[in-house]
Amino acid sequence: MDAPAKISHTSALILQTISQGYRYGFDIMDVTGLPSGTVYPALRRLERDGLLQSKWEAGLLAQERPARKYYRVTRLGNEVLANALKRYPLLERLAPEVKAKGQ
């Protein structure tokens, strides 16, 4: 099997943020401080490369807001993230706190 791909620091930060429980774009932007013009293209690339999977929110929107697209890190994404944490040791200091389940 090929070695997992190397990713940029920004992509690694986004993967790490999602792995910590922040699952949709605005949440990721809020936690990382990255602008939408960075986050959304990176999410598309990470998903295209098989490091993320996404699913649109189902059901009625009780709070009258647009549907959210939720992301999760794939097994390959976790492998790539583990390598990125070795490559970018300061990344762990930037890690968001783990989000409580159900939020």
PDB file of N, CA and C in Angstrom:
ATOM      1  N   MET A   1       0.840  -1.190   0.000  1.00  0.00           N
ATOM      2  CA  MET A   1       0.000   0.000   0.000  1.00  0.00           C
ATOM      3  C   MET A   1       0.877   1.242   0.000  1.00  0.00           C
ATOM      4  N   ASP A   2       0.452   2.264  -0.706  1.00  0.00           N
ATOM      5  CA  ASP A   2       1.197   3.511  -0.771  1.00  0.00           C
ATOM      6  C   ASP A   2       1.168   4.220   0.576  1.00  0.00           C
ATOM      7  N   ALA A   3       2.204   5.022   0.806  1.00  0.00           N
ATOM      8  CA  ALA A   3       2.249   5.823   2.030  1.00  0.00           C
ATOM      9  C   ALA A   3       1.161   6.889   1.945  1.00  0.00           C
ATOM     10  N   PRO A   4       0.542   7.242   3.088  1.00  0.00           N
ATOM     11  CA  PRO A   4      -0.474   8.298   3.073  1.00  0.00           C
ATOM     12  C   PRO A   4       0.093   9.610   2.555  1.00  0.00           C
ATOM     13  N   ALA A   5      -0.733  10.361   1.885  1.00  0.00           N
ATOM     14  CA  ALA A   5      -0.321  11.628   1.275  1.00  0.00           C
ATOM     15  C   ALA A   5       0.083  12.643   2.327  1.00  0.00           C
ATOM     16  N   LYS A   6       0.935  13.577   1.909  1.00  0.00           N
ATOM     17  CA  LYS A   6       1.292  14.708   2.757  1.00  0.00           C
ATOM     18  C   LYS A   6       0.319  15.837   2.434  1.00  0.00           C
ATOM     19  N   ILE A   7      -0.074  16.554   3.451  1.00  0.00           N
ATOM     20  CA  ILE A   7      -1.017  17.656   3.273  1.00  0.00           C
ATOM     21  C   ILE A   7      -0.441  18.931   3.862  1.00  0.00           C
ATOM     22  N   SER A   8      -1.032  20.043   3.492  1.00  0.00           N
ATOM     23  CA  SER A   8      -0.576  21.340   3.999  1.00  0.00           C
ATOM     24  C   SER A   8      -0.942  21.502   5.470  1.00  0.00           C
ATOM     25  N   HIS A   9      -0.313  22.475   6.075  1.00  0.00           N
ATOM     26  CA  HIS A   9      -0.602  22.792   7.479  1.00  0.00           C
ATOM     27  C   HIS A   9      -2.077  23.161   7.650  1.00  0.00           C
ATOM     28  N   THR A  10      -2.608  23.956   6.727  1.00  0.00           N
ATOM     29  CA  THR A  10      -4.012  24.379   6.797  1.00  0.00           C
ATOM     30  C   THR A  10      -4.949  23.180   6.697  1.00  0.00           C
ATOM     31  N   SER A  11      -4.695  22.284   5.750  1.00  0.00           N
ATOM     32  CA  SER A  11      -5.532  21.093   5.606  1.00  0.00           C
ATOM     33  C   SER A  11      -5.448  20.211   6.844  1.00  0.00           C
ATOM     34  N   ALA A  12      -4.243  20.113   7.404  1.00  0.00           N
ATOM     35  CA  ALA A  12      -4.073  19.322   8.628  1.00  0.00           C
ATOM     36  C   ALA A  12      -4.870  19.934   9.776  1.00  0.00           C
ATOM     37  N   LEU A  13      -4.859  21.261   9.889  1.00  0.00           N
ATOM     38  CA  LEU A  13      -5.623  21.940  10.938  1.00  0.00           C
ATOM     39  C   LEU A  13      -7.118  21.681  10.769  1.00  0.00           C
ATOM     40  N   ILE A  14      -7.601  21.715   9.538  1.00  0.00           N
ATOM     41  CA  ILE A  14      -9.018  21.447   9.279  1.00  0.00           C
ATOM     42  C   ILE A  14      -9.363  20.003   9.609  1.00  0.00           C
ATOM     43  N   LEU A  15      -8.524  19.058   9.196  1.00  0.00           N
ATOM     44  CA  LEU A  15      -8.760  17.645   9.540  1.00  0.00           C
ATOM     45  C   LEU A  15      -8.788  17.454  11.051  1.00  0.00           C
ATOM     46  N   GLN A  16      -7.835  18.067  11.725  1.00  0.00           N
ATOM     47  CA  GLN A  16      -7.762  17.937  13.182  1.00  0.00           C
ATOM     48  C   GLN A  16      -9.009  18.531  13.845  1.00  0.00           C
ATOM     49  N   THR A  17      -9.461  19.660  13.341  1.00  0.00           N
ATOM     50  CA  THR A  17     -10.647  20.310  13.891  1.00  0.00           C
ATOM     51  C   THR A  17     -11.874  19.411  13.737  1.00  0.00           C
ATOM     52  N   ILE A  18     -12.032  18.808  12.568  1.00  0.00           N
ATOM     53  CA  ILE A  18     -13.161  17.905  12.345  1.00  0.00           C
ATOM     54  C   ILE A  18     -13.043  16.675  13.237  1.00  0.00           C
ATOM     55  N   SER A  19     -11.837  16.161  13.394  1.00  0.00           N
ATOM     56  CA  SER A  19     -11.660  14.975  14.247  1.00  0.00           C
ATOM     57  C   SER A  19     -11.974  15.282  15.709  1.00  0.00           C
ATOM     58  N   GLN A  20     -11.931  16.562  16.083  1.00  0.00           N
ATOM     59  CA  GLN A  20     -12.238  16.965  17.454  1.00  0.00           C
ATOM     60  C   GLN A  20     -13.725  17.248  17.669  1.00  0.00           C
ATOM     61  N   GLY A  21     -14.544  17.071  16.619  1.00  0.00           N
ATOM     62  CA  GLY A  21     -15.984  17.193  16.796  1.00  0.00           C
ATOM     63  C   GLY A  21     -16.636  18.398  16.157  1.00  0.00           C
ATOM     64  N   TYR A  22     -15.867  19.234  15.488  1.00  0.00           N
ATOM     65  CA  TYR A  22     -16.425  20.393  14.796  1.00  0.00           C
ATOM     66  C   TYR A  22     -16.698  19.944  13.367  1.00  0.00           C
ATOM     67  N   ARG A  23     -17.952  19.794  12.987  1.00  0.00           N
ATOM     68  CA  ARG A  23     -18.293  19.028  11.795  1.00  0.00           C
ATOM     69  C   ARG A  23     -18.833  19.805  10.597  1.00  0.00           C
ATOM     70  N   TYR A  24     -19.095  21.089  10.703  1.00  0.00           N
ATOM     71  CA  TYR A  24     -19.620  21.819   9.539  1.00  0.00           C
ATOM     72  C   TYR A  24     -18.841  23.121   9.339  1.00  0.00           C
ATOM     73  N   GLY A  25     -18.942  23.661   8.143  1.00  0.00           N
ATOM     74  CA  GLY A  25     -18.101  24.770   7.719  1.00  0.00           C
ATOM     75  C   GLY A  25     -17.996  25.954   8.649  1.00  0.00           C
ATOM     76  N   PHE A  26     -19.130  26.533   9.057  1.00  0.00           N
ATOM     77  CA  PHE A  26     -19.073  27.716   9.922  1.00  0.00           C
ATOM     78  C   PHE A  26     -18.435  27.395  11.262  1.00  0.00           C
ATOM     79  N   ASP A  27     -18.693  26.214  11.776  1.00  0.00           N
ATOM     80  CA  ASP A  27     -18.090  25.781  13.034  1.00  0.00           C
ATOM     81  C   ASP A  27     -16.571  25.705  12.878  1.00  0.00           C
ATOM     82  N   ILE A  28     -16.119  25.130  11.773  1.00  0.00           N
ATOM     83  CA  ILE A  28     -14.684  25.000  11.497  1.00  0.00           C
ATOM     84  C   ILE A  28     -14.044  26.383  11.357  1.00  0.00           C
ATOM     85  N   MET A  29     -14.723  27.285  10.646  1.00  0.00           N
ATOM     86  CA  MET A  29     -14.211  28.647  10.483  1.00  0.00           C
ATOM     87  C   MET A  29     -14.101  29.352  11.830  1.00  0.00           C
ATOM     88  N   ASP A  30     -15.106  29.187  12.670  1.00  0.00           N
ATOM     89  CA  ASP A  30     -15.128  29.839  13.978  1.00  0.00           C
ATOM     90  C   ASP A  30     -13.970  29.356  14.854  1.00  0.00           C
ATOM     91  N   VAL A  31     -13.739  28.067  14.858  1.00  0.00           N
ATOM     92  CA  VAL A  31     -12.712  27.483  15.725  1.00  0.00           C
ATOM     93  C   VAL A  31     -11.304  27.790  15.230  1.00  0.00           C
ATOM     94  N   THR A  32     -11.100  27.700  13.923  1.00  0.00           N
ATOM     95  CA  THR A  32      -9.755  27.874  13.377  1.00  0.00           C
ATOM     96  C   THR A  32      -9.396  29.319  13.085  1.00  0.00           C
ATOM     97  N   GLY A  33     -10.408  30.164  12.884  1.00  0.00           N
ATOM     98  CA  GLY A  33     -10.154  31.541  12.500  1.00  0.00           C
ATOM     99  C   GLY A  33      -9.843  31.696  11.019  1.00  0.00           C
ATOM    100  N   LEU A  34      -9.972  30.602  10.263  1.00  0.00           N
ATOM    101  CA  LEU A  34      -9.715  30.646   8.825  1.00  0.00           C
ATOM    102  C   LEU A  34     -10.932  31.200   8.090  1.00  0.00           C
ATOM    103  N   PRO A  35     -10.720  31.937   7.001  1.00  0.00           N
ATOM    104  CA  PRO A  35     -11.848  32.482   6.237  1.00  0.00           C
ATOM    105  C   PRO A  35     -12.522  31.417   5.386  1.00  0.00           C
ATOM    106  N   SER A  36     -13.745  31.700   4.967  1.00  0.00           N
ATOM    107  CA  SER A  36     -14.508  30.755   4.151  1.00  0.00           C
ATOM    108  C   SER A  36     -13.792  30.433   2.846  1.00  0.00           C
ATOM    109  N   GLY A  37     -13.084  31.390   2.275  1.00  0.00           N
ATOM    110  CA  GLY A  37     -12.358  31.181   1.036  1.00  0.00           C
ATOM    111  C   GLY A  37     -11.193  30.219   1.174  1.00  0.00           C
ATOM    112  N   THR A  38     -10.829  29.899   2.399  1.00  0.00           N
ATOM    113  CA  THR A  38      -9.803  28.891   2.672  1.00  0.00           C
ATOM    114  C   THR A  38     -10.453  27.576   3.074  1.00  0.00           C
ATOM    115  N   VAL A  39     -11.442  27.649   3.959  1.00  0.00           N
ATOM    116  CA  VAL A  39     -12.043  26.439   4.521  1.00  0.00           C
ATOM    117  C   VAL A  39     -12.815  25.633   3.478  1.00  0.00           C
ATOM    118  N   TYR A  40     -13.720  26.262   2.751  1.00  0.00           N
ATOM    119  CA  TYR A  40     -14.575  25.489   1.842  1.00  0.00           C
ATOM    120  C   TYR A  40     -13.816  24.837   0.684  1.00  0.00           C
ATOM    121  N   PRO A  41     -12.866  25.533   0.039  1.00  0.00           N
ATOM    122  CA  PRO A  41     -12.080  24.819  -0.975  1.00  0.00           C
ATOM    123  C   PRO A  41     -11.271  23.662  -0.380  1.00  0.00           C
ATOM    124  N   ALA A  42     -10.736  23.855   0.826  1.00  0.00           N
ATOM    125  CA  ALA A  42      -9.973  22.783   1.469  1.00  0.00           C
ATOM    126  C   ALA A  42     -10.879  21.597   1.785  1.00  0.00           C
ATOM    127  N   LEU A  43     -12.088  21.854   2.261  1.00  0.00           N
ATOM    128  CA  LEU A  43     -13.026  20.764   2.538  1.00  0.00           C
ATOM    129  C   LEU A  43     -13.327  19.975   1.268  1.00  0.00           C
ATOM    130  N   ARG A  44     -13.523  20.685   0.156  1.00  0.00           N
ATOM    131  CA  ARG A  44     -13.784  19.992  -1.115  1.00  0.00           C
ATOM    132  C   ARG A  44     -12.590  19.140  -1.544  1.00  0.00           C
ATOM    133  N   ARG A  45     -11.377  19.678  -1.402  1.00  0.00           N
ATOM    134  CA  ARG A  45     -10.179  18.916  -1.770  1.00  0.00           C
ATOM    135  C   ARG A  45     -10.001  17.697  -0.870  1.00  0.00           C
ATOM    136  N   LEU A  46     -10.177  17.889   0.426  1.00  0.00           N
ATOM    137  CA  LEU A  46     -10.021  16.775   1.369  1.00  0.00           C
ATOM    138  C   LEU A  46     -11.039  15.680   1.100  1.00  0.00           C
ATOM    139  N   GLU A  47     -12.246  16.078   0.738  1.00  0.00           N
ATOM    140  CA  GLU A  47     -13.267  15.085   0.414  1.00  0.00           C
ATOM    141  C   GLU A  47     -12.936  14.394  -0.915  1.00  0.00           C
ATOM    142  N   ARG A  48     -12.526  15.153  -1.897  1.00  0.00           N
ATOM    143  CA  ARG A  48     -12.143  14.576  -3.200  1.00  0.00           C
ATOM    144  C   ARG A  48     -11.005  13.560  -3.037  1.00  0.00           C
ATOM    145  N   ASP A  49     -10.083  13.845  -2.119  1.00  0.00           N
ATOM    146  CA  ASP A  49      -8.928  12.971  -1.907  1.00  0.00           C
ATOM    147  C   ASP A  49      -9.227  11.798  -0.978  1.00  0.00           C
ATOM    148  N   GLY A  50     -10.479  11.690  -0.510  1.00  0.00           N
ATOM    149  CA  GLY A  50     -10.875  10.560   0.325  1.00  0.00           C
ATOM    150  C   GLY A  50     -10.512  10.681   1.793  1.00  0.00           C
ATOM    151  N   LEU A  51     -10.140  11.891   2.236  1.00  0.00           N
ATOM    152  CA  LEU A  51      -9.764  12.092   3.633  1.00  0.00           C
ATOM    153  C   LEU A  51     -10.960  12.482   4.495  1.00  0.00           C
ATOM    154  N   LEU A  52     -12.012  12.945   3.841  1.00  0.00           N
ATOM    155  CA  LEU A  52     -13.267  13.307   4.509  1.00  0.00           C
ATOM    156  C   LEU A  52     -14.436  12.688   3.761  1.00  0.00           C
ATOM    157  N   GLN A  53     -15.523  12.505   4.478  1.00  0.00           N
ATOM    158  CA  GLN A  53     -16.812  12.176   3.873  1.00  0.00           C
ATOM    159  C   GLN A  53     -17.804  13.190   4.403  1.00  0.00           C
ATOM    160  N   SER A  54     -18.814  13.489   3.589  1.00  0.00           N
ATOM    161  CA  SER A  54     -19.805  14.461   4.027  1.00  0.00           C
ATOM    162  C   SER A  54     -21.202  13.917   3.833  1.00  0.00           C
ATOM    163  N   LYS A  55     -22.110  14.545   4.554  1.00  0.00           N
ATOM    164  CA  LYS A  55     -23.522  14.167   4.478  1.00  0.00           C
ATOM    165  C   LYS A  55     -24.333  15.421   4.791  1.00  0.00           C
ATOM    166  N   TRP A  56     -25.335  15.675   3.950  1.00  0.00           N
ATOM    167  CA  TRP A  56     -26.206  16.819   4.202  1.00  0.00           C
ATOM    168  C   TRP A  56     -27.145  16.508   5.357  1.00  0.00           C
ATOM    169  N   GLU A  57     -27.410  17.513   6.138  1.00  0.00           N
ATOM    170  CA  GLU A  57     -28.351  17.427   7.243  1.00  0.00           C
ATOM    171  C   GLU A  57     -29.708  17.001   6.699  1.00  0.00           C
ATOM    172  N   ALA A  58     -30.337  16.072   7.374  1.00  0.00           N
ATOM    173  CA  ALA A  58     -31.646  15.578   6.931  1.00  0.00           C
ATOM    174  C   ALA A  58     -32.759  16.172   7.791  1.00  0.00           C
ATOM    175  N   GLY A  59     -33.961  16.146   7.261  1.00  0.00           N
ATOM    176  CA  GLY A  59     -35.124  16.557   8.040  1.00  0.00           C
ATOM    177  C   GLY A  59     -35.439  18.034   7.936  1.00  0.00           C
ATOM    178  N   LEU A  60     -36.475  18.413   8.631  1.00  0.00           N
ATOM    179  CA  LEU A  60     -36.905  19.806   8.644  1.00  0.00           C
ATOM    180  C   LEU A  60     -35.922  20.652   9.426  1.00  0.00           C
ATOM    181  N   LEU A  61     -35.824  21.871   9.034  1.00  0.00           N
ATOM    182  CA  LEU A  61     -34.910  22.786   9.709  1.00  0.00           C
ATOM    183  C   LEU A  61     -35.679  23.549  10.780  1.00  0.00           C
ATOM    184  N   ALA A  62     -35.584  23.049  11.984  1.00  0.00           N
ATOM    185  CA  ALA A  62     -36.360  23.606  13.085  1.00  0.00           C
ATOM    186  C   ALA A  62     -35.999  25.061  13.357  1.00  0.00           C
ATOM    187  N   GLN A  63     -34.787  25.438  13.114  1.00  0.00           N
ATOM    188  CA  GLN A  63     -34.352  26.790  13.439  1.00  0.00           C
ATOM    189  C   GLN A  63     -34.375  27.712  12.223  1.00  0.00           C
ATOM    190  N   GLU A  64     -35.030  27.296  11.162  1.00  0.00           N
ATOM    191  CA  GLU A  64     -35.153  28.094   9.944  1.00  0.00           C
ATOM    192  C   GLU A  64     -33.808  28.615   9.455  1.00  0.00           C
ATOM    193  N   ARG A  65     -32.894  27.701   9.265  1.00  0.00           N
ATOM    194  CA  ARG A  65     -31.583  28.044   8.733  1.00  0.00           C
ATOM    195  C   ARG A  65     -31.278  27.105   7.581  1.00  0.00           C
ATOM    196  N   PRO A  66     -30.323  27.464   6.755  1.00  0.00           N
ATOM    197  CA  PRO A  66     -29.963  26.568   5.652  1.00  0.00           C
ATOM    198  C   PRO A  66     -29.449  25.222   6.180  1.00  0.00           C
ATOM    199  N   ALA A  67     -29.638  24.185   5.382  1.00  0.00           N
ATOM    200  CA  ALA A  67     -29.137  22.857   5.750  1.00  0.00           C
ATOM    201  C   ALA A  67     -27.612  22.903   5.857  1.00  0.00           C
ATOM    202  N   ARG A  68     -27.084  22.118   6.768  1.00  0.00           N
ATOM    203  CA  ARG A  68     -25.639  22.040   6.962  1.00  0.00           C
ATOM    204  C   ARG A  68     -25.099  20.774   6.317  1.00  0.00           C
ATOM    205  N   LYS A  69     -23.899  20.871   5.845  1.00  0.00           N
ATOM    206  CA  LYS A  69     -23.187  19.709   5.334  1.00  0.00           C
ATOM    207  C   LYS A  69     -22.199  19.302   6.417  1.00  0.00           C
ATOM    208  N   TYR A  70     -22.371  18.112   6.960  1.00  0.00           N
ATOM    209  CA  TYR A  70     -21.527  17.624   8.045  1.00  0.00           C
ATOM    210  C   TYR A  70     -20.409  16.754   7.493  1.00  0.00           C
ATOM    211  N   TYR A  71     -19.220  16.932   8.031  1.00  0.00           N
ATOM    212  CA  TYR A  71     -18.036  16.201   7.588  1.00  0.00           C
ATOM    213  C   TYR A  71     -17.555  15.259   8.682  1.00  0.00           C
ATOM    214  N   ARG A  72     -16.932  14.163   8.242  1.00  0.00           N
ATOM    215  CA  ARG A  72     -16.256  13.262   9.170  1.00  0.00           C
ATOM    216  C   ARG A  72     -14.968  12.795   8.523  1.00  0.00           C
ATOM    217  N   VAL A  73     -13.980  12.536   9.352  1.00  0.00           N
ATOM    218  CA  VAL A  73     -12.674  12.089   8.874  1.00  0.00           C
ATOM    219  C   VAL A  73     -12.747  10.592   8.577  1.00  0.00           C
ATOM    220  N   THR A  74     -12.247  10.185   7.417  1.00  0.00           N
ATOM    221  CA  THR A  74     -12.217   8.776   7.035  1.00  0.00           C
ATOM    222  C   THR A  74     -11.012   8.089   7.692  1.00  0.00           C
ATOM    223  N   ARG A  75     -10.926   6.790   7.514  1.00  0.00           N
ATOM    224  CA  ARG A  75      -9.782   6.049   8.051  1.00  0.00           C
ATOM    225  C   ARG A  75      -8.480   6.573   7.418  1.00  0.00           C
ATOM    226  N   LEU A  76      -8.501   6.772   6.101  1.00  0.00           N
ATOM    227  CA  LEU A  76      -7.331   7.330   5.425  1.00  0.00           C
ATOM    228  C   LEU A  76      -7.026   8.723   5.961  1.00  0.00           C
ATOM    229  N   GLY A  77      -8.067   9.515   6.200  1.00  0.00           N
ATOM    230  CA  GLY A  77      -7.885  10.852   6.752  1.00  0.00           C
ATOM    231  C   GLY A  77      -7.215  10.823   8.112  1.00  0.00           C
ATOM    232  N   ASN A  78      -7.571   9.847   8.940  1.00  0.00           N
ATOM    233  CA  ASN A  78      -6.934   9.706  10.252  1.00  0.00           C
ATOM    234  C   ASN A  78      -5.459   9.340  10.119  1.00  0.00           C
ATOM    235  N   GLU A  79      -5.129   8.494   9.142  1.00  0.00           N
ATOM    236  CA  GLU A  79      -3.729   8.129   8.903  1.00  0.00           C
ATOM    237  C   GLU A  79      -2.935   9.348   8.450  1.00  0.00           C
ATOM    238  N   VAL A  80      -3.505  10.090   7.520  1.00  0.00           N
ATOM    239  CA  VAL A  80      -2.835  11.287   7.012  1.00  0.00           C
ATOM    240  C   VAL A  80      -2.689  12.320   8.128  1.00  0.00           C
ATOM    241  N   LEU A  81      -3.706  12.471   8.959  1.00  0.00           N
ATOM    242  CA  LEU A  81      -3.638  13.407  10.079  1.00  0.00           C
ATOM    243  C   LEU A  81      -2.547  12.997  11.057  1.00  0.00           C
ATOM    244  N   ALA A  82      -2.434  11.712  11.366  1.00  0.00           N
ATOM    245  CA  ALA A  82      -1.386  11.240  12.279  1.00  0.00           C
ATOM    246  C   ALA A  82      -0.003  11.590  11.736  1.00  0.00           C
ATOM    247  N   ASN A  83       0.199  11.403  10.433  1.00  0.00           N
ATOM    248  CA  ASN A  83       1.482  11.771   9.815  1.00  0.00           C
ATOM    249  C   ASN A  83       1.701  13.277   9.835  1.00  0.00           C
ATOM    250  N   ALA A  84       0.625  14.034   9.619  1.00  0.00           N
ATOM    251  CA  ALA A  84       0.735  15.497   9.629  1.00  0.00           C
ATOM    252  C   ALA A  84       1.108  16.009  11.019  1.00  0.00           C
ATOM    253  N   LEU A  85       0.603  15.368  12.055  1.00  0.00           N
ATOM    254  CA  LEU A  85       0.936  15.791  13.418  1.00  0.00           C
ATOM    255  C   LEU A  85       2.413  15.565  13.708  1.00  0.00           C
ATOM    256  N   LYS A  86       3.000  14.539  13.091  1.00  0.00           N
ATOM    257  CA  LYS A  86       4.449  14.322  13.219  1.00  0.00           C
ATOM    258  C   LYS A  86       5.213  15.367  12.416  1.00  0.00           C
ATOM    259  N   ARG A  87       4.685  15.703  11.243  1.00  0.00           N
ATOM    260  CA  ARG A  87       5.332  16.663  10.347  1.00  0.00           C
ATOM    261  C   ARG A  87       5.228  18.091  10.875  1.00  0.00           C
ATOM    262  N   TYR A  88       4.102  18.426  11.496  1.00  0.00           N
ATOM    263  CA  TYR A  88       3.844  19.761  12.027  1.00  0.00           C
ATOM    264  C   TYR A  88       3.626  19.666  13.537  1.00  0.00           C
ATOM    265  N   PRO A  89       4.694  19.526  14.331  1.00  0.00           N
ATOM    266  CA  PRO A  89       4.517  19.306  15.773  1.00  0.00           C
ATOM    267  C   PRO A  89       3.774  20.424  16.506  1.00  0.00           C
ATOM    268  N   LEU A  90       3.835  21.633  15.997  1.00  0.00           N
ATOM    269  CA  LEU A  90       3.126  22.736  16.664  1.00  0.00           C
ATOM    270  C   LEU A  90       1.624  22.686  16.428  1.00  0.00           C
ATOM    271  N   LEU A  91       1.194  21.855  15.507  1.00  0.00           N
ATOM    272  CA  LEU A  91      -0.229  21.749  15.188  1.00  0.00           C
ATOM    273  C   LEU A  91      -1.041  21.334  16.414  1.00  0.00           C
ATOM    274  N   GLU A  92      -0.472  20.491  17.250  1.00  0.00           N
ATOM    275  CA  GLU A  92      -1.220  20.042  18.435  1.00  0.00           C
ATOM    276  C   GLU A  92      -1.532  21.198  19.378  1.00  0.00           C
ATOM    277  N   ARG A  93      -0.684  22.214  19.389  1.00  0.00           N
ATOM    278  CA  ARG A  93      -0.956  23.393  20.233  1.00  0.00           C
ATOM    279  C   ARG A  93      -2.136  24.202  19.701  1.00  0.00           C
ATOM    280  N   LEU A  94      -2.377  24.088  18.396  1.00  0.00           N
ATOM    281  CA  LEU A  94      -3.491  24.824  17.777  1.00  0.00           C
ATOM    282  C   LEU A  94      -4.794  24.052  17.832  1.00  0.00           C
ATOM    283  N   ALA A  95      -4.729  22.827  18.340  1.00  0.00           N
ATOM    284  CA  ALA A  95      -5.919  21.966  18.337  1.00  0.00           C
ATOM    285  C   ALA A  95      -7.032  22.599  19.159  1.00  0.00           C
ATOM    286  N   PRO A  96      -8.232  22.583  18.598  1.00  0.00           N
ATOM    287  CA  PRO A  96      -9.374  23.076  19.385  1.00  0.00           C
ATOM    288  C   PRO A  96      -9.676  22.100  20.511  1.00  0.00           C
ATOM    289  N   GLU A  97     -10.340  22.589  21.529  1.00  0.00           N
ATOM    290  CA  GLU A  97     -10.779  21.688  22.587  1.00  0.00           C
ATOM    291  C   GLU A  97     -11.793  20.729  21.994  1.00  0.00           C
ATOM    292  N   VAL A  98     -11.838  19.535  22.543  1.00  0.00           N
ATOM    293  CA  VAL A  98     -12.784  18.550  22.053  1.00  0.00           C
ATOM    294  C   VAL A  98     -14.204  19.031  22.305  1.00  0.00           C
ATOM    295  N   LYS A  99     -15.005  19.022  21.266  1.00  0.00           N
ATOM    296  CA  LYS A  99     -16.385  19.489  21.382  1.00  0.00           C
ATOM    297  C   LYS A  99     -17.211  18.416  22.073  1.00  0.00           C
ATOM    298  N   ALA A 100     -18.047  18.831  22.992  1.00  0.00           N
ATOM    299  CA  ALA A 100     -18.922  17.886  23.681  1.00  0.00           C
ATOM    300  C   ALA A 100     -19.884  17.242  22.700  1.00  0.00           C
ATOM    301  N   LYS A 101     -20.137  15.979  22.870  1.00  0.00           N
ATOM    302  CA  LYS A 101     -21.080  15.272  21.995  1.00  0.00           C
ATOM    303  C   LYS A 101     -22.453  15.908  22.114  1.00  0.00           C
ATOM    304  N   GLY A 102     -23.141  15.952  20.975  1.00  0.00           N
ATOM    305  CA  GLY A 102     -24.502  16.484  20.970  1.00  0.00           C
ATOM    306  C   GLY A 102     -24.556  17.969  20.677  1.00  0.00           C
ATOM    307  N   GLN A 103     -23.403  18.601  20.486  1.00  0.00           N
ATOM    308  CA  GLN A 103     -23.408  20.040  20.166  1.00  0.00           C
ATOM    309  C   GLN A 103     -23.259  20.249  18.700  1.00  0.00           C
TER     310      GLN A 103
END
